[in-house]
N, C-alpha and C. Protein backbone atom coordinates (compact mmCIF):
# COMPACT_ATOMS: atom_id res chain seq x y z
N LEU A 1 12.89 -318.19 98.58
CA LEU A 1 12.80 -316.76 98.84
C LEU A 1 12.16 -316.55 100.19
N GLY A 2 12.97 -316.26 101.15
CA GLY A 2 12.41 -316.03 102.47
C GLY A 2 13.35 -315.23 103.33
N GLY A 3 12.81 -314.66 104.34
CA GLY A 3 13.57 -313.86 105.28
C GLY A 3 12.72 -312.70 105.74
N PRO A 4 13.12 -312.08 106.83
CA PRO A 4 12.27 -311.05 107.43
C PRO A 4 12.02 -309.82 106.56
N ASP A 5 12.97 -309.46 105.70
CA ASP A 5 12.79 -308.22 104.93
C ASP A 5 12.61 -308.45 103.43
N VAL A 6 12.27 -309.67 103.03
CA VAL A 6 12.01 -309.94 101.62
C VAL A 6 10.75 -309.18 101.23
N ASP A 7 10.85 -308.45 100.12
CA ASP A 7 9.72 -307.64 99.65
C ASP A 7 8.72 -308.52 98.91
N ARG A 8 7.62 -308.79 99.55
CA ARG A 8 6.58 -309.65 98.97
C ARG A 8 6.00 -309.05 97.70
N ALA A 9 5.98 -307.71 97.59
CA ALA A 9 5.46 -307.06 96.38
C ALA A 9 6.36 -307.37 95.18
N THR A 10 7.67 -307.43 95.40
CA THR A 10 8.59 -307.77 94.31
C THR A 10 8.40 -309.21 93.89
N ILE A 11 8.23 -310.10 94.85
CA ILE A 11 7.97 -311.51 94.52
C ILE A 11 6.67 -311.62 93.72
N ALA A 12 5.65 -310.87 94.12
CA ALA A 12 4.37 -310.88 93.39
C ALA A 12 4.57 -310.34 91.98
N ALA A 13 5.41 -309.32 91.81
CA ALA A 13 5.66 -308.76 90.48
C ALA A 13 6.38 -309.76 89.59
N ILE A 14 7.32 -310.52 90.17
CA ILE A 14 8.02 -311.57 89.42
C ILE A 14 7.02 -312.64 88.98
N ASP A 15 6.17 -313.08 89.91
CA ASP A 15 5.17 -314.10 89.60
C ASP A 15 4.18 -313.61 88.54
N ALA A 16 3.75 -312.37 88.65
CA ALA A 16 2.79 -311.82 87.68
C ALA A 16 3.41 -311.73 86.29
N ALA A 17 4.66 -311.30 86.21
CA ALA A 17 5.34 -311.23 84.91
C ALA A 17 5.46 -312.62 84.31
N ALA A 18 5.81 -313.60 85.13
CA ALA A 18 5.92 -314.99 84.65
C ALA A 18 4.58 -315.49 84.15
N ALA A 19 3.51 -315.19 84.88
CA ALA A 19 2.18 -315.65 84.48
C ALA A 19 1.77 -315.04 83.13
N ARG A 20 2.25 -313.83 82.86
CA ARG A 20 1.94 -313.18 81.57
C ARG A 20 2.94 -313.57 80.48
N GLY A 21 3.98 -314.31 80.87
CA GLY A 21 5.01 -314.70 79.90
C GLY A 21 5.93 -313.55 79.54
N GLU A 22 6.09 -312.62 80.49
CA GLU A 22 6.89 -311.43 80.23
C GLU A 22 8.19 -311.44 81.04
N ALA A 23 9.10 -310.60 80.62
CA ALA A 23 10.37 -310.45 81.31
C ALA A 23 10.17 -309.66 82.61
N PHE A 24 11.10 -309.83 83.51
CA PHE A 24 11.12 -309.05 84.74
C PHE A 24 12.55 -308.64 85.01
N ARG A 25 12.71 -307.40 85.42
CA ARG A 25 14.02 -306.90 85.84
C ARG A 25 13.81 -306.05 87.08
N GLY A 26 14.57 -306.34 88.12
CA GLY A 26 14.44 -305.57 89.35
C GLY A 26 15.46 -305.99 90.38
N GLU A 27 15.32 -305.40 91.56
CA GLU A 27 16.21 -305.69 92.67
C GLU A 27 15.39 -306.13 93.86
N MET A 28 15.99 -306.98 94.66
CA MET A 28 15.32 -307.37 95.90
C MET A 28 16.32 -307.92 96.90
N LEU A 29 15.94 -307.80 98.15
CA LEU A 29 16.73 -308.38 99.23
C LEU A 29 16.31 -309.83 99.38
N ASN A 30 17.29 -310.71 99.44
CA ASN A 30 17.04 -312.13 99.64
C ASN A 30 18.00 -312.61 100.71
N TYR A 31 17.93 -313.88 101.05
CA TYR A 31 18.76 -314.43 102.11
C TYR A 31 19.42 -315.71 101.64
N THR A 32 20.66 -315.90 102.08
CA THR A 32 21.37 -317.14 101.78
C THR A 32 20.81 -318.25 102.66
N LYS A 33 21.21 -319.48 102.38
CA LYS A 33 20.73 -320.62 103.17
C LYS A 33 21.07 -320.48 104.65
N ASP A 34 22.19 -319.82 104.94
CA ASP A 34 22.55 -319.65 106.35
C ASP A 34 22.01 -318.34 106.95
N GLY A 35 21.09 -317.68 106.21
CA GLY A 35 20.38 -316.53 106.76
C GLY A 35 21.03 -315.17 106.55
N GLN A 36 22.08 -315.11 105.73
CA GLN A 36 22.74 -313.83 105.48
C GLN A 36 21.96 -313.03 104.43
N PRO A 37 21.68 -311.74 104.70
CA PRO A 37 20.97 -310.93 103.72
C PRO A 37 21.86 -310.58 102.53
N ARG A 38 21.33 -310.68 101.34
CA ARG A 38 22.06 -310.37 100.10
C ARG A 38 21.11 -309.65 99.16
N TRP A 39 21.55 -308.54 98.62
CA TRP A 39 20.77 -307.83 97.59
C TRP A 39 21.05 -308.47 96.24
N MET A 40 20.01 -308.70 95.49
CA MET A 40 20.14 -309.34 94.19
C MET A 40 19.52 -308.46 93.11
N GLU A 41 20.19 -308.38 91.97
CA GLU A 41 19.61 -307.80 90.77
C GLU A 41 19.14 -308.98 89.94
N ILE A 42 17.88 -308.98 89.59
CA ILE A 42 17.27 -310.13 88.92
C ILE A 42 16.84 -309.73 87.51
N ASP A 43 17.21 -310.53 86.55
CA ASP A 43 16.77 -310.34 85.16
C ASP A 43 16.23 -311.68 84.68
N THR A 44 14.92 -311.76 84.50
CA THR A 44 14.27 -313.00 84.06
C THR A 44 13.67 -312.78 82.68
N GLN A 45 14.01 -313.65 81.75
CA GLN A 45 13.53 -313.55 80.37
C GLN A 45 12.79 -314.83 79.99
N PRO A 46 11.64 -314.67 79.30
CA PRO A 46 10.93 -315.87 78.86
C PRO A 46 11.66 -316.55 77.70
N ARG A 47 11.65 -317.85 77.65
CA ARG A 47 12.19 -318.63 76.53
C ARG A 47 10.98 -319.12 75.76
N LYS A 48 10.99 -318.95 74.45
CA LYS A 48 9.83 -319.29 73.62
C LYS A 48 10.21 -320.29 72.54
N ASP A 49 9.21 -321.10 72.14
CA ASP A 49 9.44 -322.05 71.05
C ASP A 49 9.18 -321.34 69.72
N ALA A 50 9.26 -322.10 68.63
CA ALA A 50 9.09 -321.55 67.29
C ALA A 50 7.73 -320.90 67.08
N GLN A 51 6.71 -321.35 67.80
CA GLN A 51 5.36 -320.78 67.68
C GLN A 51 5.15 -319.59 68.63
N GLY A 52 6.17 -319.23 69.40
CA GLY A 52 6.06 -318.09 70.31
C GLY A 52 5.49 -318.42 71.67
N ARG A 53 5.30 -319.71 71.95
CA ARG A 53 4.79 -320.11 73.26
C ARG A 53 5.93 -320.13 74.28
N VAL A 54 5.64 -319.67 75.47
CA VAL A 54 6.63 -319.67 76.54
C VAL A 54 6.85 -321.10 76.99
N THR A 55 8.12 -321.50 76.93
CA THR A 55 8.47 -322.86 77.34
C THR A 55 9.25 -322.88 78.65
N GLY A 56 9.63 -321.72 79.11
CA GLY A 56 10.38 -321.62 80.36
C GLY A 56 10.95 -320.23 80.52
N PHE A 57 11.76 -320.09 81.51
CA PHE A 57 12.37 -318.80 81.79
C PHE A 57 13.85 -318.97 82.07
N MET A 58 14.62 -317.96 81.67
CA MET A 58 16.02 -317.90 82.01
C MET A 58 16.17 -316.73 82.98
N SER A 59 16.79 -317.00 84.11
CA SER A 59 16.94 -315.96 85.12
C SER A 59 18.42 -315.81 85.47
N VAL A 60 18.87 -314.57 85.48
CA VAL A 60 20.24 -314.25 85.87
C VAL A 60 20.13 -313.39 87.13
N GLN A 61 20.86 -313.79 88.15
CA GLN A 61 20.87 -313.02 89.40
C GLN A 61 22.29 -312.58 89.69
N LEU A 62 22.41 -311.33 90.00
CA LEU A 62 23.71 -310.75 90.29
C LEU A 62 23.68 -310.22 91.72
N ASP A 63 24.66 -310.60 92.51
CA ASP A 63 24.76 -310.13 93.89
C ASP A 63 25.25 -308.68 93.87
N ILE A 64 24.38 -307.77 94.31
CA ILE A 64 24.72 -306.34 94.32
C ILE A 64 24.80 -305.80 95.75
N THR A 65 25.04 -306.69 96.70
CA THR A 65 25.10 -306.29 98.11
C THR A 65 26.17 -305.22 98.34
N ASP A 66 27.35 -305.39 97.78
CA ASP A 66 28.40 -304.39 97.97
C ASP A 66 28.00 -303.05 97.36
N ARG A 67 27.39 -303.09 96.17
CA ARG A 67 26.94 -301.85 95.54
C ARG A 67 25.92 -301.13 96.41
N LYS A 68 24.97 -301.88 96.98
CA LYS A 68 23.96 -301.29 97.86
C LYS A 68 24.60 -300.69 99.11
N ARG A 69 25.59 -301.38 99.66
CA ARG A 69 26.30 -300.86 100.83
C ARG A 69 27.00 -299.56 100.50
N ILE A 70 27.67 -299.52 99.35
CA ILE A 70 28.38 -298.31 98.92
C ILE A 70 27.39 -297.18 98.65
N GLU A 71 26.27 -297.48 98.00
CA GLU A 71 25.25 -296.45 97.75
C GLU A 71 24.73 -295.87 99.06
N ALA A 72 24.52 -296.72 100.06
CA ALA A 72 24.04 -296.25 101.36
C ALA A 72 25.09 -295.37 102.03
N GLU A 73 26.35 -295.75 101.92
CA GLU A 73 27.42 -294.95 102.51
C GLU A 73 27.55 -293.60 101.82
N VAL A 74 27.46 -293.59 100.50
CA VAL A 74 27.50 -292.33 99.75
C VAL A 74 26.33 -291.44 100.15
N ALA A 75 25.14 -292.01 100.30
CA ALA A 75 23.97 -291.23 100.71
C ALA A 75 24.17 -290.65 102.11
N ARG A 76 24.76 -291.43 103.00
CA ARG A 76 25.03 -290.96 104.36
C ARG A 76 26.03 -289.81 104.34
N LYS A 77 27.09 -289.96 103.56
CA LYS A 77 28.11 -288.91 103.45
C LYS A 77 27.52 -287.66 102.81
N GLU A 78 26.68 -287.84 101.81
CA GLU A 78 26.03 -286.69 101.16
C GLU A 78 25.15 -285.94 102.16
N ALA A 79 24.41 -286.67 102.99
CA ALA A 79 23.56 -286.04 104.00
C ALA A 79 24.42 -285.27 105.01
N GLN A 80 25.56 -285.83 105.41
CA GLN A 80 26.47 -285.13 106.32
C GLN A 80 27.00 -283.86 105.67
N PHE A 81 27.44 -283.98 104.42
CA PHE A 81 27.96 -282.82 103.69
C PHE A 81 26.91 -281.73 103.60
N ARG A 82 25.69 -282.10 103.20
CA ARG A 82 24.63 -281.10 103.05
C ARG A 82 24.32 -280.42 104.38
N PHE A 83 24.33 -281.18 105.47
CA PHE A 83 24.07 -280.60 106.78
C PHE A 83 25.14 -279.55 107.11
N ILE A 84 26.41 -279.93 106.94
CA ILE A 84 27.50 -279.00 107.24
C ILE A 84 27.46 -277.81 106.29
N PHE A 85 27.28 -278.06 105.01
CA PHE A 85 27.24 -277.02 103.99
C PHE A 85 26.17 -275.97 104.32
N GLU A 86 25.01 -276.42 104.75
CA GLU A 86 23.92 -275.49 105.06
C GLU A 86 24.05 -274.87 106.44
N ALA A 87 24.64 -275.57 107.41
CA ALA A 87 24.69 -275.08 108.78
C ALA A 87 25.81 -274.08 109.04
N VAL A 88 26.91 -274.21 108.31
CA VAL A 88 28.05 -273.33 108.56
C VAL A 88 27.67 -271.88 108.25
N GLN A 89 28.17 -270.96 109.06
CA GLN A 89 27.83 -269.55 108.90
C GLN A 89 28.78 -268.80 107.97
N VAL A 90 29.65 -269.53 107.31
CA VAL A 90 30.57 -268.95 106.33
C VAL A 90 29.93 -269.14 104.96
N GLY A 91 29.95 -268.08 104.16
CA GLY A 91 29.38 -268.19 102.82
C GLY A 91 30.22 -269.08 101.93
N ILE A 92 29.58 -270.06 101.31
CA ILE A 92 30.28 -270.99 100.42
C ILE A 92 29.59 -270.99 99.06
N SER A 93 30.38 -270.77 98.04
CA SER A 93 29.92 -270.89 96.65
C SER A 93 30.77 -271.97 96.02
N TRP A 94 30.11 -272.98 95.48
CA TRP A 94 30.84 -274.12 94.93
C TRP A 94 30.40 -274.32 93.49
N ASN A 95 31.35 -274.22 92.59
CA ASN A 95 31.06 -274.44 91.18
C ASN A 95 31.55 -275.82 90.81
N GLN A 96 30.64 -276.67 90.38
CA GLN A 96 30.97 -278.06 90.06
C GLN A 96 30.74 -278.28 88.58
N VAL A 97 31.69 -278.93 87.93
CA VAL A 97 31.53 -279.28 86.52
C VAL A 97 31.13 -280.75 86.47
N THR A 98 29.98 -281.02 85.85
CA THR A 98 29.46 -282.38 85.77
C THR A 98 30.24 -283.17 84.72
N PRO A 99 30.14 -284.50 84.73
CA PRO A 99 30.88 -285.31 83.76
C PRO A 99 30.58 -284.94 82.30
N ASP A 100 29.38 -284.41 82.04
CA ASP A 100 29.05 -284.02 80.66
C ASP A 100 29.49 -282.60 80.33
N GLY A 101 30.27 -281.97 81.24
CA GLY A 101 30.83 -280.64 80.96
C GLY A 101 29.95 -279.47 81.37
N GLN A 102 28.81 -279.75 81.96
CA GLN A 102 27.92 -278.68 82.41
C GLN A 102 28.41 -278.13 83.75
N SER A 103 28.23 -276.84 83.95
CA SER A 103 28.62 -276.22 85.20
C SER A 103 27.39 -276.08 86.09
N ARG A 104 27.56 -276.39 87.36
CA ARG A 104 26.47 -276.30 88.33
C ARG A 104 27.00 -275.62 89.57
N ARG A 105 26.34 -274.56 90.00
CA ARG A 105 26.79 -273.81 91.17
C ARG A 105 25.89 -274.10 92.35
N MET A 106 26.53 -274.25 93.52
CA MET A 106 25.79 -274.42 94.77
C MET A 106 26.18 -273.27 95.69
N LEU A 107 25.20 -272.65 96.31
CA LEU A 107 25.44 -271.64 97.32
C LEU A 107 24.79 -272.11 98.60
N ASN A 108 25.47 -271.88 99.73
CA ASN A 108 24.79 -272.18 100.98
C ASN A 108 23.99 -270.95 101.41
N ALA A 109 23.18 -271.11 102.45
CA ALA A 109 22.30 -270.03 102.89
C ALA A 109 23.11 -268.80 103.31
N ALA A 110 24.27 -269.01 103.95
CA ALA A 110 25.10 -267.88 104.36
C ALA A 110 25.58 -267.09 103.15
N HIS A 111 25.94 -267.78 102.08
CA HIS A 111 26.39 -267.09 100.86
C HIS A 111 25.23 -266.35 100.21
N GLU A 112 24.05 -266.93 100.23
CA GLU A 112 22.88 -266.24 99.69
C GLU A 112 22.63 -264.94 100.44
N ARG A 113 22.78 -264.96 101.79
CA ARG A 113 22.59 -263.73 102.58
C ARG A 113 23.68 -262.70 102.25
N LEU A 114 24.93 -263.16 102.12
CA LEU A 114 26.03 -262.24 101.84
C LEU A 114 25.92 -261.61 100.45
N SER A 115 25.64 -262.42 99.47
CA SER A 115 25.65 -261.93 98.09
C SER A 115 24.32 -261.31 97.67
N GLY A 116 23.24 -261.72 98.33
CA GLY A 116 21.92 -261.26 97.91
C GLY A 116 21.38 -262.03 96.71
N LEU A 117 22.11 -263.05 96.27
CA LEU A 117 21.68 -263.88 95.14
C LEU A 117 21.10 -265.19 95.64
N THR A 118 20.11 -265.68 94.93
CA THR A 118 19.62 -267.03 95.19
C THR A 118 20.47 -268.01 94.40
N CYS A 119 20.36 -269.28 94.72
CA CYS A 119 21.10 -270.30 93.99
C CYS A 119 20.71 -270.28 92.50
N GLU A 120 19.41 -270.08 92.24
CA GLU A 120 18.94 -270.05 90.85
C GLU A 120 19.55 -268.87 90.10
N GLN A 121 19.63 -267.70 90.75
CA GLN A 121 20.24 -266.54 90.10
C GLN A 121 21.72 -266.77 89.86
N ALA A 122 22.39 -267.42 90.80
CA ALA A 122 23.83 -267.67 90.68
C ALA A 122 24.16 -268.59 89.52
N GLU A 123 23.22 -269.40 89.10
CA GLU A 123 23.47 -270.32 87.98
C GLU A 123 23.37 -269.63 86.63
N GLN A 124 22.79 -268.43 86.60
CA GLN A 124 22.69 -267.68 85.35
C GLN A 124 24.04 -267.04 85.03
N PRO A 125 24.30 -266.75 83.76
CA PRO A 125 25.58 -266.11 83.42
C PRO A 125 25.70 -264.70 83.99
N GLY A 126 26.83 -264.41 84.64
CA GLY A 126 27.16 -263.06 85.04
C GLY A 126 26.63 -262.46 86.32
N PRO A 127 25.94 -263.19 87.21
CA PRO A 127 25.37 -262.49 88.37
C PRO A 127 26.42 -261.97 89.35
N PHE A 128 27.53 -262.69 89.51
CA PHE A 128 28.55 -262.25 90.47
C PHE A 128 29.31 -261.04 89.94
N GLU A 129 29.53 -261.00 88.65
CA GLU A 129 30.18 -259.84 88.05
C GLU A 129 29.33 -258.59 88.25
N ALA A 130 28.01 -258.76 88.15
CA ALA A 130 27.10 -257.62 88.27
C ALA A 130 27.07 -257.03 89.68
N ILE A 131 27.35 -257.84 90.70
CA ILE A 131 27.27 -257.33 92.08
C ILE A 131 28.64 -257.13 92.72
N SER A 132 29.71 -257.30 91.94
CA SER A 132 31.07 -257.19 92.47
C SER A 132 31.72 -255.89 92.03
N VAL A 133 32.65 -255.40 92.85
CA VAL A 133 33.50 -254.27 92.47
C VAL A 133 34.40 -254.77 91.34
N PRO A 134 34.46 -254.06 90.21
CA PRO A 134 35.19 -254.59 89.03
C PRO A 134 36.61 -255.05 89.31
N GLU A 135 37.40 -254.30 90.07
CA GLU A 135 38.78 -254.69 90.33
C GLU A 135 38.84 -255.98 91.15
N GLU A 136 37.94 -256.10 92.12
CA GLU A 136 37.92 -257.30 92.95
C GLU A 136 37.46 -258.51 92.15
N TYR A 137 36.51 -258.32 91.25
CA TYR A 137 36.05 -259.42 90.41
C TYR A 137 37.17 -259.86 89.47
N ALA A 138 37.93 -258.90 88.93
CA ALA A 138 39.06 -259.23 88.04
C ALA A 138 40.11 -260.04 88.79
N ALA A 139 40.38 -259.68 90.04
CA ALA A 139 41.35 -260.43 90.85
C ALA A 139 40.86 -261.86 91.09
N GLN A 140 39.56 -262.00 91.39
CA GLN A 140 38.99 -263.33 91.60
C GLN A 140 39.10 -264.16 90.32
N ARG A 141 38.78 -263.58 89.18
CA ARG A 141 38.86 -264.31 87.91
C ARG A 141 40.31 -264.74 87.62
N ALA A 142 41.27 -263.89 87.97
CA ALA A 142 42.68 -264.24 87.75
C ALA A 142 43.06 -265.46 88.60
N PHE A 143 42.62 -265.46 89.86
CA PHE A 143 42.88 -266.63 90.71
C PHE A 143 42.21 -267.88 90.14
N MET A 144 40.97 -267.73 89.68
CA MET A 144 40.25 -268.88 89.12
C MET A 144 40.96 -269.42 87.88
N ALA A 145 41.51 -268.53 87.05
CA ALA A 145 42.25 -268.96 85.86
C ALA A 145 43.51 -269.72 86.26
N ARG A 146 44.17 -269.25 87.31
CA ARG A 146 45.37 -269.96 87.79
C ARG A 146 45.01 -271.34 88.32
N MET A 147 43.86 -271.45 88.98
CA MET A 147 43.41 -272.77 89.46
C MET A 147 43.12 -273.68 88.28
N ALA A 148 42.41 -273.16 87.29
CA ALA A 148 42.07 -273.97 86.11
C ALA A 148 43.32 -274.44 85.37
N ALA A 149 44.37 -273.63 85.42
CA ALA A 149 45.63 -273.99 84.76
C ALA A 149 46.48 -274.93 85.61
N GLY A 150 46.05 -275.20 86.84
CA GLY A 150 46.80 -276.09 87.72
C GLY A 150 47.97 -275.43 88.42
N GLU A 151 48.04 -274.10 88.36
CA GLU A 151 49.14 -273.38 89.02
C GLU A 151 48.94 -273.33 90.53
N ILE A 152 47.70 -273.27 90.98
CA ILE A 152 47.38 -273.25 92.41
C ILE A 152 46.22 -274.21 92.64
N SER A 153 46.08 -274.69 93.87
CA SER A 153 45.00 -275.63 94.15
C SER A 153 43.85 -274.98 94.93
N SER A 154 44.08 -273.79 95.48
CA SER A 154 43.04 -273.07 96.19
C SER A 154 43.42 -271.61 96.28
N PHE A 155 42.48 -270.78 96.65
CA PHE A 155 42.77 -269.38 96.89
C PHE A 155 41.74 -268.81 97.84
N SER A 156 42.10 -267.69 98.44
CA SER A 156 41.21 -266.97 99.33
C SER A 156 41.26 -265.50 98.93
N ILE A 157 40.11 -264.87 98.92
CA ILE A 157 40.06 -263.47 98.51
C ILE A 157 38.99 -262.76 99.33
N GLU A 158 39.25 -261.52 99.66
CA GLU A 158 38.24 -260.67 100.29
C GLU A 158 37.67 -259.77 99.21
N LYS A 159 36.35 -259.65 99.20
CA LYS A 159 35.72 -258.79 98.20
C LYS A 159 34.38 -258.31 98.72
N ARG A 160 33.81 -257.40 98.00
CA ARG A 160 32.53 -256.83 98.40
C ARG A 160 31.45 -257.21 97.38
N TYR A 161 30.23 -257.33 97.90
CA TYR A 161 29.06 -257.50 97.05
C TYR A 161 28.16 -256.29 97.22
N LEU A 162 27.64 -255.80 96.13
CA LEU A 162 26.71 -254.68 96.15
C LEU A 162 25.29 -255.24 96.24
N HIS A 163 24.60 -254.92 97.33
CA HIS A 163 23.21 -255.38 97.51
C HIS A 163 22.24 -254.46 96.79
N ARG A 164 21.03 -254.94 96.62
CA ARG A 164 19.99 -254.17 95.91
C ARG A 164 19.73 -252.81 96.54
N ASP A 165 19.92 -252.70 97.86
CA ASP A 165 19.66 -251.42 98.55
C ASP A 165 20.82 -250.44 98.40
N GLY A 166 21.87 -250.83 97.67
CA GLY A 166 23.02 -249.94 97.43
C GLY A 166 24.15 -250.09 98.43
N SER A 167 23.97 -250.90 99.46
CA SER A 167 25.03 -251.09 100.45
C SER A 167 25.99 -252.19 100.00
N PHE A 168 27.22 -252.09 100.51
CA PHE A 168 28.20 -253.11 100.23
C PHE A 168 28.32 -254.05 101.42
N VAL A 169 28.50 -255.34 101.15
CA VAL A 169 28.75 -256.35 102.18
C VAL A 169 30.09 -256.96 101.86
N TRP A 170 31.00 -256.99 102.86
CA TRP A 170 32.31 -257.60 102.68
C TRP A 170 32.18 -259.10 102.81
């Protein structure tokens, strides 16, 4: 175990777990014999005799370098997306359905200014209906139903939001 970026704290944690006769599971950067960096997922389990004494350890190491590279790329892309999402001066409301079926709405700062709603308010049931002109909200819902049915893949609509001061914003 050597190389410029090997985490000595992880090595110490592995050694401490072994000294206590306990399992260890974690990740660490290691290096091949020719000096190539490789991320490893390590799972070390104590082997015990009939009396429960530790007689050795079994260690399984899985090369997760590609997974780490992909995670870093996803994080970079997410940071780019968030920068653009927040910097653009066009109001964006994005409703995302999570794998467990939960709905999560994201608003950028421009949309918060236009609608007068915070992201937290937008996640509650009915806030857009409450600030929309009924006919315009009905048209938006009709487009959304067509998208959900797969009839269209996108839509654009102009509508007004009623702000707390009684003024309308297009």
